[in-house]
């Protein structure tokens, strides 16, 4: 108990123990709403005076306060504001990590009251929730079941399920988890077929999401059907290019069935056959590693130009893939091409060596496919017998433009050929 003692001119208050009371007063829901309103107003006032040092502290207090607000009051706080105060609330919402916050996100997305960019940012933040609860999955499940579900929603929610099932190995017993996983599997259809580029992207996102979640409801049969699509796919193409001087024509077809892919391309110049290209890519289903066997034959008017065969060993080891190819009929002697492909952040780096009785050298390059753009760069150095070194560089870029009338593909290619005057035969 505090006691009074007197020394000199004034009385001092002393304590009988060193225990402190850190208990917080009991706050009602209305108290928390009032605190949030006050913090948003203070943030708005501070923001009008440029960026102030107290803004991070105020924003952190806002996030902490909103974590204690229920879904109804949180939704009211979101919808009652415009301009900068609304922006503060939108930025704080994905940082709450509460079921109430996710319920509000779901409602606003389904109502269309936020932009697709804002929705994607919210869904991306779900991967940062390390200890999700079942009520969070229940709040977001209707988003995945919606007809116009976005790919980022599929991936973000599947990351949430991954963290939930990591802590609860029997998570499949929960109805919300099985319903969500079933909605993702439904995006695959019967065999992963897709009629449009947008549908194909969604199928690929669903496959990635199932891998993220680490569970399936319908089992592996649907994945097997995706790979062993019994329906053959055949596509023919024909392109003509006429100039005042030359007429160029490309025609051919693609045949896809099961693990085999075949292509045939015929190139004509001024109604005369220039080259005929035939190729195939077959997956070796019985190999221990994931292995593809490509074959390519190019024939000119006077006979074979060259052929290619070999193995692409896709047994992934730290983002690296092994390559072993044999190119025949080139300079009338087989050429062995061996090397690796190294994948980093979506860019594939190619490093190979060429070796034969008369041809030696190296081929390095890189290719990257992002969205509707494809880039490919190579640098080839070779010597014939022990002659001078030749260098061929190729830079290619292709991109797709989509308008109301369909798709247009544009491409640029730059090729440089040089020959060194030095004696650089490789051994």
Protein backbone atom coordinates (compact mmCIF):
# COMPACT_ATOMS: atom_id res chain seq x y z
CA UNK A 1 0.00 0.00 0.00
CA UNK A 2 1.28 3.48 -0.75
CA UNK A 3 2.46 5.31 2.36
CA UNK A 4 3.10 8.96 2.99
CA UNK A 5 6.41 10.20 4.29
CA UNK A 6 7.62 13.70 4.79
CA UNK A 7 11.08 14.95 4.07
CA UNK A 8 11.94 18.58 3.97
CA UNK A 9 9.34 20.74 2.37
CA UNK A 10 7.14 18.23 0.48
CA UNK A 11 5.55 14.85 1.00
CA UNK A 12 6.63 11.89 -1.21
CA UNK A 13 4.49 8.94 -2.24
CA UNK A 14 6.18 5.55 -1.92
CA UNK A 15 5.03 2.03 -2.95
CA UNK A 16 4.94 -1.07 -0.83
CA UNK A 17 5.97 -3.33 -3.83
CA UNK A 18 7.36 -3.05 -7.33
CA UNK A 19 4.44 -4.73 -9.15
CA UNK A 20 2.91 -2.73 -12.01
CA UNK A 21 -0.56 -3.02 -13.47
CA UNK A 22 -0.44 -3.42 -17.28
CA UNK A 23 -4.06 -4.42 -17.77
CA UNK A 24 -5.93 -2.60 -20.53
CA UNK A 25 -9.36 -1.17 -19.99
CA UNK A 26 -12.17 -3.22 -21.49
CA UNK A 27 -13.04 -1.71 -24.89
CA UNK A 28 -16.35 -2.13 -26.67
CA UNK A 29 -16.69 -2.62 -30.41
CA UNK A 30 -17.74 1.01 -30.68
CA UNK A 31 -14.60 2.08 -28.82
CA UNK A 32 -12.41 0.27 -31.34
CA UNK A 33 -14.30 1.77 -34.28
CA UNK A 34 -13.83 5.20 -32.75
CA UNK A 35 -10.11 4.59 -32.29
CA UNK A 36 -9.80 3.50 -35.92
CA UNK A 37 -11.67 6.57 -37.13
CA UNK A 38 -9.41 8.80 -35.05
CA UNK A 39 -6.25 7.15 -36.39
CA UNK A 40 -7.40 7.42 -40.02
CA UNK A 41 -8.20 11.09 -39.51
CA UNK A 42 -4.80 11.67 -37.92
CA UNK A 43 -3.06 9.87 -40.79
CA UNK A 44 -4.96 11.99 -43.29
CA UNK A 45 -3.97 15.17 -41.45
CA UNK A 46 -0.32 14.18 -41.26
CA UNK A 47 -0.26 13.15 -44.93
CA UNK A 48 -1.36 16.63 -46.01
CA UNK A 49 1.86 17.97 -44.53
CA UNK A 50 4.11 15.74 -46.65
CA UNK A 51 5.54 12.48 -45.28
CA UNK A 52 5.99 12.86 -41.54
CA UNK A 53 8.05 10.59 -39.23
CA UNK A 54 4.96 9.74 -37.19
CA UNK A 55 3.15 8.14 -40.15
CA UNK A 56 4.63 4.62 -39.68
CA UNK A 57 3.69 4.69 -36.00
CA UNK A 58 0.13 5.83 -36.74
CA UNK A 59 -0.30 3.23 -39.50
CA UNK A 60 0.98 0.44 -37.23
CA UNK A 61 -1.51 1.56 -34.57
CA UNK A 62 -4.29 1.51 -37.18
CA UNK A 63 -3.44 -2.07 -38.18
CA UNK A 64 -3.33 -3.18 -34.53
CA UNK A 65 -6.69 -1.53 -33.85
CA UNK A 66 -8.40 -2.97 -36.94
CA UNK A 67 -7.33 -6.47 -35.90
CA UNK A 68 -9.78 -6.15 -32.99
CA UNK A 69 -12.71 -5.01 -35.17
CA UNK A 70 -15.37 -7.49 -36.28
CA UNK A 71 -16.31 -7.99 -39.94
CA UNK A 72 -19.48 -5.85 -39.94
CA UNK A 73 -17.82 -2.82 -38.37
CA UNK A 74 -14.72 -3.32 -40.50
CA UNK A 75 -16.80 -3.34 -43.67
CA UNK A 76 -18.58 -0.17 -42.56
CA UNK A 77 -15.24 1.53 -41.95
CA UNK A 78 -14.10 0.55 -45.44
CA UNK A 79 -17.19 1.70 -47.30
CA UNK A 80 -17.72 4.98 -45.42
CA UNK A 81 -14.49 6.51 -46.68
CA UNK A 82 -13.21 7.97 -49.92
CA UNK A 83 -9.95 9.40 -51.18
CA UNK A 84 -6.86 9.17 -49.01
CA UNK A 85 -8.64 7.81 -45.88
CA UNK A 86 -10.00 4.94 -47.98
CA UNK A 87 -6.52 4.28 -49.38
CA UNK A 88 -5.15 3.94 -45.83
CA UNK A 89 -7.86 1.41 -45.01
CA UNK A 90 -7.27 -0.57 -48.23
CA UNK A 91 -3.54 -0.75 -47.52
CA UNK A 92 -4.11 -1.87 -43.94
CA UNK A 93 -6.66 -4.59 -44.75
CA UNK A 94 -4.28 -7.31 -46.06
CA UNK A 95 -1.96 -6.73 -43.09
CA UNK A 96 -4.58 -7.70 -40.51
CA UNK A 97 -4.26 -11.47 -40.95
CA UNK A 98 -7.73 -12.02 -39.47
CA UNK A 99 -10.79 -13.89 -40.68
CA UNK A 100 -12.79 -10.65 -40.42
CA UNK A 101 -10.32 -8.91 -42.70
CA UNK A 102 -10.48 -11.73 -45.25
CA UNK A 103 -14.27 -11.75 -45.11
CA UNK A 104 -14.28 -8.04 -45.96
CA UNK A 105 -11.78 -8.61 -48.79
CA UNK A 106 -14.00 -11.36 -50.21
CA UNK A 107 -17.13 -9.18 -50.06
CA UNK A 108 -15.47 -6.17 -51.70
CA UNK A 109 -13.95 -8.31 -54.48
CA UNK A 110 -17.22 -10.09 -55.27
CA UNK A 111 -19.06 -6.76 -55.27
CA UNK A 112 -16.50 -5.28 -57.62
CA UNK A 113 -15.81 -2.33 -55.31
CA UNK A 114 -12.01 -2.65 -55.71
CA UNK A 115 -9.85 -2.80 -58.82
CA UNK A 116 -8.39 -6.05 -60.12
CA UNK A 117 -4.91 -4.74 -59.28
CA UNK A 118 -5.95 -4.14 -55.66
CA UNK A 119 -7.53 -7.59 -55.52
CA UNK A 120 -4.33 -9.21 -56.84
CA UNK A 121 -2.24 -7.38 -54.21
CA UNK A 122 -4.55 -8.63 -51.47
CA UNK A 123 -4.39 -12.21 -52.74
CA UNK A 124 -0.60 -12.09 -53.02
CA UNK A 125 -0.40 -11.11 -49.34
CA UNK A 126 -2.08 -14.39 -48.33
CA UNK A 127 1.21 -16.23 -48.86
CA UNK A 128 2.62 -14.26 -45.91
CA UNK A 129 0.05 -15.59 -43.43
CA UNK A 130 2.15 -18.26 -41.70
CA UNK A 131 -0.43 -19.52 -39.17
CA UNK A 132 -3.84 -19.38 -40.87
CA UNK A 133 -6.99 -20.68 -39.24
CA UNK A 134 -9.87 -22.61 -40.73
CA UNK A 135 -12.22 -19.61 -40.52
CA UNK A 136 -9.90 -17.74 -42.91
CA UNK A 137 -10.25 -20.50 -45.52
CA UNK A 138 -14.01 -20.49 -44.98
CA UNK A 139 -14.07 -16.73 -45.60
CA UNK A 140 -12.19 -16.98 -48.91
CA UNK A 141 -13.62 -20.21 -50.35
CA UNK A 142 -16.48 -18.43 -52.24
CA UNK A 143 -13.86 -16.40 -54.15
CA UNK A 144 -12.32 -19.53 -55.68
CA UNK A 145 -15.76 -20.95 -56.47
CA UNK A 146 -16.78 -17.82 -58.42
CA UNK A 147 -16.99 -18.12 -62.19
CA UNK A 148 -14.60 -15.24 -62.90
CA UNK A 149 -11.95 -16.22 -60.36
CA UNK A 150 -8.60 -14.57 -61.07
CA UNK A 151 -5.39 -16.57 -61.31
CA UNK A 152 -3.77 -14.65 -58.45
CA UNK A 153 -6.75 -15.56 -56.25
CA UNK A 154 -6.25 -19.25 -57.04
CA UNK A 155 -2.55 -19.09 -56.19
CA UNK A 156 -2.92 -16.92 -53.09
CA UNK A 157 -5.67 -18.99 -51.47
CA UNK A 158 -3.83 -22.23 -52.26
CA UNK A 159 -0.79 -20.84 -50.40
CA UNK A 160 -3.07 -20.22 -47.42
CA UNK A 161 -4.30 -23.83 -47.58
CA UNK A 162 -0.70 -25.03 -47.78
CA UNK A 163 0.21 -23.32 -44.50
CA UNK A 164 -3.01 -24.55 -42.85
CA UNK A 165 -2.44 -28.18 -43.87
CA UNK A 166 1.19 -27.95 -42.81
CA UNK A 167 -0.02 -27.40 -39.26
CA UNK A 168 -3.02 -29.75 -39.56
CA UNK A 169 -2.13 -32.94 -41.45
CA UNK A 170 -5.77 -34.04 -41.47
CA UNK A 171 -7.01 -30.78 -42.98
CA UNK A 172 -8.99 -32.65 -45.67
CA UNK A 173 -11.62 -33.47 -43.07
CA UNK A 174 -12.76 -29.83 -43.12
CA UNK A 175 -15.53 -29.10 -45.59
CA UNK A 176 -14.18 -25.66 -46.50
CA UNK A 177 -10.82 -27.15 -47.51
CA UNK A 178 -12.33 -29.89 -49.68
CA UNK A 179 -14.77 -27.45 -51.31
CA UNK A 180 -11.96 -25.03 -52.11
CA UNK A 181 -9.72 -27.76 -53.50
CA UNK A 182 -12.61 -29.14 -55.52
CA UNK A 183 -13.25 -25.70 -57.04
CA UNK A 184 -9.62 -25.55 -58.17
CA UNK A 185 -9.80 -29.05 -59.68
CA UNK A 186 -12.96 -28.07 -61.57
CA UNK A 187 -10.90 -25.49 -63.46
CA UNK A 188 -9.01 -28.38 -65.08
CA UNK A 189 -12.14 -29.73 -66.72
CA UNK A 190 -11.90 -33.34 -67.81
CA UNK A 191 -8.44 -33.22 -69.39
CA UNK A 192 -6.94 -29.71 -69.00
CA UNK A 193 -8.12 -28.70 -72.46
CA UNK A 194 -8.43 -24.96 -73.13
CA UNK A 195 -9.94 -23.12 -76.10
CA UNK A 196 -8.48 -19.66 -75.46
CA UNK A 197 -5.15 -18.29 -74.17
CA UNK A 198 -6.95 -16.97 -71.09
CA UNK A 199 -8.42 -20.41 -70.34
CA UNK A 200 -5.00 -22.00 -70.78
CA UNK A 201 -3.46 -19.60 -68.25
CA UNK A 202 -6.20 -20.47 -65.78
CA UNK A 203 -5.60 -24.21 -66.24
CA UNK A 204 -1.88 -23.74 -65.63
CA UNK A 205 -2.64 -21.65 -62.53
CA UNK A 206 -4.94 -24.39 -61.23
CA UNK A 207 -2.20 -27.01 -61.67
CA UNK A 208 0.25 -24.78 -59.84
CA UNK A 209 -2.30 -24.14 -57.07
CA UNK A 210 -2.88 -27.86 -56.54
CA UNK A 211 0.85 -28.26 -56.13
CA UNK A 212 0.88 -25.39 -53.65
CA UNK A 213 -1.94 -26.85 -51.58
CA UNK A 214 -0.43 -30.32 -51.68
CA UNK A 215 -3.73 -32.21 -51.75
CA UNK A 216 -6.42 -33.36 -54.17
CA UNK A 217 -10.04 -34.37 -53.71
CA UNK A 218 -10.66 -36.35 -56.90
CA UNK A 219 -7.30 -38.08 -56.83
CA UNK A 220 -4.67 -38.43 -59.53
CA UNK A 221 -7.07 -39.60 -62.25
CA UNK A 222 -7.77 -36.07 -63.41
CA UNK A 223 -4.04 -35.31 -63.70
CA UNK A 224 -3.50 -38.50 -65.67
CA UNK A 225 -6.28 -37.43 -68.03
CA UNK A 226 -4.61 -34.06 -68.46
CA UNK A 227 -1.45 -35.78 -69.67
CA UNK A 228 -3.02 -38.65 -71.58
CA UNK A 229 -5.55 -36.60 -73.48
CA UNK A 230 -7.05 -39.15 -75.84
CA UNK A 231 -8.33 -36.53 -78.27
CA UNK A 232 -5.72 -35.81 -80.95
CA UNK A 233 -5.03 -32.17 -81.64
CA UNK A 234 -4.30 -31.20 -85.22
CA UNK A 235 -3.71 -27.65 -86.37
CA UNK A 236 -2.77 -26.47 -89.83
CA UNK A 237 -1.27 -23.12 -90.68
CA UNK A 238 -0.54 -21.16 -93.83
CA UNK A 239 1.26 -17.84 -94.11
CA UNK A 240 1.99 -15.91 -97.31
CA UNK A 241 4.24 -12.89 -97.71
CA UNK A 242 4.29 -11.08 -101.05
CA UNK A 243 6.69 -8.31 -102.00
CA UNK A 244 7.37 -6.69 -105.38
CA UNK A 245 10.43 -8.94 -105.72
CA UNK A 246 9.81 -12.19 -103.87
CA UNK A 247 6.92 -14.34 -102.73
CA UNK A 248 7.39 -16.34 -99.53
CA UNK A 249 4.98 -19.04 -98.38
CA UNK A 250 4.97 -21.10 -95.18
CA UNK A 251 2.58 -23.98 -94.64
CA UNK A 252 2.43 -26.99 -92.40
CA UNK A 253 0.68 -28.65 -89.52
CA UNK A 254 0.93 -29.76 -85.91
CA UNK A 255 -0.21 -33.12 -84.58
CA UNK A 256 -0.37 -33.60 -80.81
CA UNK A 257 -1.39 -36.86 -79.20
CA UNK A 258 -0.48 -38.28 -75.81
CA UNK A 259 3.25 -38.03 -75.25
CA UNK A 260 4.06 -37.41 -78.92
CA UNK A 261 4.25 -34.09 -80.74
CA UNK A 262 4.81 -33.87 -84.50
CA UNK A 263 5.31 -30.86 -86.74
CA UNK A 264 5.78 -30.38 -90.47
CA UNK A 265 6.75 -27.07 -92.08
CA UNK A 266 7.15 -26.40 -95.80
CA UNK A 267 8.80 -23.17 -96.95
CA UNK A 268 8.45 -22.00 -100.56
CA UNK A 269 10.07 -19.06 -102.29
CA UNK A 270 8.53 -17.93 -105.59
CA UNK A 271 6.51 -21.18 -105.82
CA UNK A 272 9.69 -23.22 -105.45
CA UNK A 273 10.26 -25.49 -102.48
CA UNK A 274 13.15 -24.15 -100.44
CA UNK A 275 13.17 -26.40 -97.42
CA UNK A 276 10.98 -28.99 -95.73
CA UNK A 277 11.26 -29.33 -91.94
CA UNK A 278 9.90 -32.32 -90.06
CA UNK A 279 10.20 -32.76 -86.33
CA UNK A 280 8.89 -34.73 -83.38
CA UNK A 281 9.19 -34.70 -79.61
CA UNK A 282 8.42 -37.88 -77.68
CA UNK A 283 8.33 -38.30 -73.93
CA UNK A 284 9.99 -41.45 -72.60
CA UNK A 285 7.43 -42.69 -70.08
CA UNK A 286 9.61 -45.59 -68.93
CA UNK A 287 12.76 -43.65 -68.10
CA UNK A 288 13.65 -43.15 -64.46
CA UNK A 289 14.12 -39.44 -65.15
CA UNK A 290 11.84 -37.19 -67.14
CA UNK A 291 13.36 -37.56 -70.60
CA UNK A 292 12.33 -36.26 -74.00
CA UNK A 293 13.62 -37.53 -77.35
CA UNK A 294 13.56 -34.83 -80.05
CA UNK A 295 14.04 -35.57 -83.73
CA UNK A 296 14.39 -32.98 -86.47
CA UNK A 297 15.08 -33.38 -90.19
CA UNK A 298 15.59 -30.53 -92.64
CA UNK A 299 15.59 -31.34 -96.36
CA UNK A 300 16.40 -28.94 -99.16
CA UNK A 301 15.68 -29.21 -102.90
CA UNK A 302 18.86 -31.21 -103.47
CA UNK A 303 18.58 -33.51 -100.48
CA UNK A 304 19.09 -33.60 -96.71
CA UNK A 305 20.55 -30.54 -95.02
CA UNK A 306 20.90 -32.00 -91.55
CA UNK A 307 19.07 -34.02 -88.94
CA UNK A 308 19.00 -33.91 -85.16
CA UNK A 309 18.26 -36.56 -82.56
CA UNK A 310 19.13 -37.23 -78.95
CA UNK A 311 17.91 -36.89 -75.40
CA UNK A 312 16.78 -33.99 -73.26
CA UNK A 313 17.19 -35.19 -69.68
CA UNK A 314 14.77 -33.08 -67.66
CA UNK A 315 15.67 -34.56 -64.28
CA UNK A 316 15.71 -31.24 -62.45
CA UNK A 317 18.64 -30.70 -60.13
CA UNK A 318 18.81 -27.24 -58.59
CA UNK A 319 17.11 -25.68 -61.62
CA UNK A 320 19.50 -27.35 -64.08
CA UNK A 321 18.65 -29.67 -66.97
CA UNK A 322 21.04 -31.90 -68.92
CA UNK A 323 21.14 -31.92 -72.73
CA UNK A 324 22.64 -34.52 -75.07
CA UNK A 325 21.89 -34.16 -78.79
CA UNK A 326 23.43 -35.54 -81.97
CA UNK A 327 23.23 -33.51 -85.18
CA UNK A 328 23.84 -35.67 -88.25
CA UNK A 329 24.49 -34.97 -91.94
CA UNK A 330 25.97 -31.58 -91.09
CA UNK A 331 29.27 -31.39 -92.97
CA UNK A 332 28.70 -35.14 -93.55
CA UNK A 333 29.70 -36.05 -90.01
CA UNK A 334 27.75 -36.34 -86.73
CA UNK A 335 28.09 -33.51 -84.21
CA UNK A 336 27.51 -34.14 -80.50
CA UNK A 337 25.97 -31.29 -78.54
CA UNK A 338 26.19 -31.63 -74.74
CA UNK A 339 25.49 -29.15 -71.98
CA UNK A 340 23.02 -27.82 -69.46
CA UNK A 341 20.11 -25.45 -69.17
CA UNK A 342 20.04 -23.39 -65.98
CA UNK A 343 16.75 -21.76 -64.97
CA UNK A 344 16.76 -18.65 -62.77
CA UNK A 345 13.71 -16.44 -62.23
CA UNK A 346 12.09 -17.54 -65.48
CA UNK A 347 15.21 -17.05 -67.62
CA UNK A 348 16.79 -20.19 -69.11
CA UNK A 349 20.53 -20.04 -69.73
CA UNK A 350 21.92 -22.51 -72.28
CA UNK A 351 25.57 -23.60 -72.20
CA UNK A 352 26.70 -26.37 -74.55
CA UNK A 353 29.78 -27.67 -76.32
CA UNK A 354 29.93 -29.08 -79.84
CA UNK A 355 32.30 -31.84 -80.80
CA UNK A 356 32.90 -33.90 -83.93
CA UNK A 357 35.70 -35.08 -86.18
CA UNK A 358 35.81 -31.76 -88.01
CA UNK A 359 33.61 -29.34 -86.06
CA UNK A 360 34.33 -28.06 -82.56
CA UNK A 361 32.95 -25.13 -80.66
CA UNK A 362 30.40 -23.87 -78.16
CA UNK A 363 26.87 -22.53 -78.12
CA UNK A 364 25.60 -20.32 -75.33
CA UNK A 365 22.32 -18.48 -75.13
CA UNK A 366 19.28 -17.50 -73.15
CA UNK A 367 15.56 -17.53 -73.65
CA UNK A 368 12.72 -16.06 -71.64
CA UNK A 369 8.94 -16.21 -72.00
CA UNK A 370 6.92 -13.66 -70.04
CA UNK A 371 3.25 -12.95 -70.70
CA UNK A 372 2.90 -12.44 -74.45
CA UNK A 373 6.61 -11.90 -75.13
CA UNK A 374 9.32 -14.38 -76.08
CA UNK A 375 13.02 -13.53 -76.29
CA UNK A 376 15.81 -15.77 -77.56
CA UNK A 377 19.53 -14.96 -77.81
CA UNK A 378 22.40 -17.23 -78.89
CA UNK A 379 26.10 -16.90 -79.50
CA UNK A 380 27.74 -19.74 -81.40
CA UNK A 381 31.49 -20.09 -81.91
CA UNK A 382 32.88 -22.91 -84.02
CA UNK A 383 35.88 -24.02 -86.04
CA UNK A 384 36.05 -26.45 -88.95
CA UNK A 385 39.10 -28.66 -88.55
CA UNK A 386 41.71 -26.22 -87.25
CA UNK A 387 40.60 -23.30 -89.35
CA UNK A 388 39.60 -19.81 -88.25
CA UNK A 389 36.89 -19.34 -85.66
CA UNK A 390 33.43 -18.36 -86.85
CA UNK A 391 30.91 -16.55 -84.65
CA UNK A 392 27.15 -16.39 -85.20
CA UNK A 393 24.94 -14.29 -82.93
CA UNK A 394 21.15 -14.36 -83.10
CA UNK A 395 18.74 -12.09 -81.22
CA UNK A 396 15.04 -12.80 -81.59
CA UNK A 397 12.01 -11.24 -79.98
CA UNK A 398 8.37 -12.13 -80.58
CA UNK A 399 5.32 -10.57 -78.98
CA UNK A 400 1.58 -10.93 -79.33
CA UNK A 401 -0.94 -8.15 -79.80
CA UNK A 402 -4.59 -8.93 -79.16
CA UNK A 403 -7.43 -6.79 -80.48
CA UNK A 404 -11.09 -7.28 -81.25
CA UNK A 405 -10.28 -9.14 -84.46
CA UNK A 406 -7.87 -11.69 -83.07
CA UNK A 407 -4.16 -12.00 -82.36
CA UNK A 408 -1.25 -10.58 -84.31
CA UNK A 409 2.28 -11.87 -83.74
CA UNK A 410 5.17 -9.52 -84.32
CA UNK A 411 8.78 -10.60 -84.47
CA UNK A 412 12.21 -9.09 -84.87
CA UNK A 413 15.43 -10.97 -85.57
CA UNK A 414 19.02 -9.78 -85.80
CA UNK A 415 21.77 -12.12 -87.02
CA UNK A 416 25.47 -11.37 -87.26
CA UNK A 417 28.12 -13.65 -88.75
CA UNK A 418 31.81 -12.96 -88.27
CA UNK A 419 35.03 -14.87 -88.90
CA UNK A 420 38.17 -14.36 -86.86
CA UNK A 421 41.55 -14.06 -88.57
CA UNK A 422 43.17 -15.85 -85.65
CA UNK A 423 43.89 -19.55 -85.43
CA UNK A 424 41.44 -20.60 -82.66
CA UNK A 425 40.75 -24.29 -83.18
CA UNK A 426 39.43 -25.90 -79.97
CA UNK A 427 40.67 -29.25 -78.73
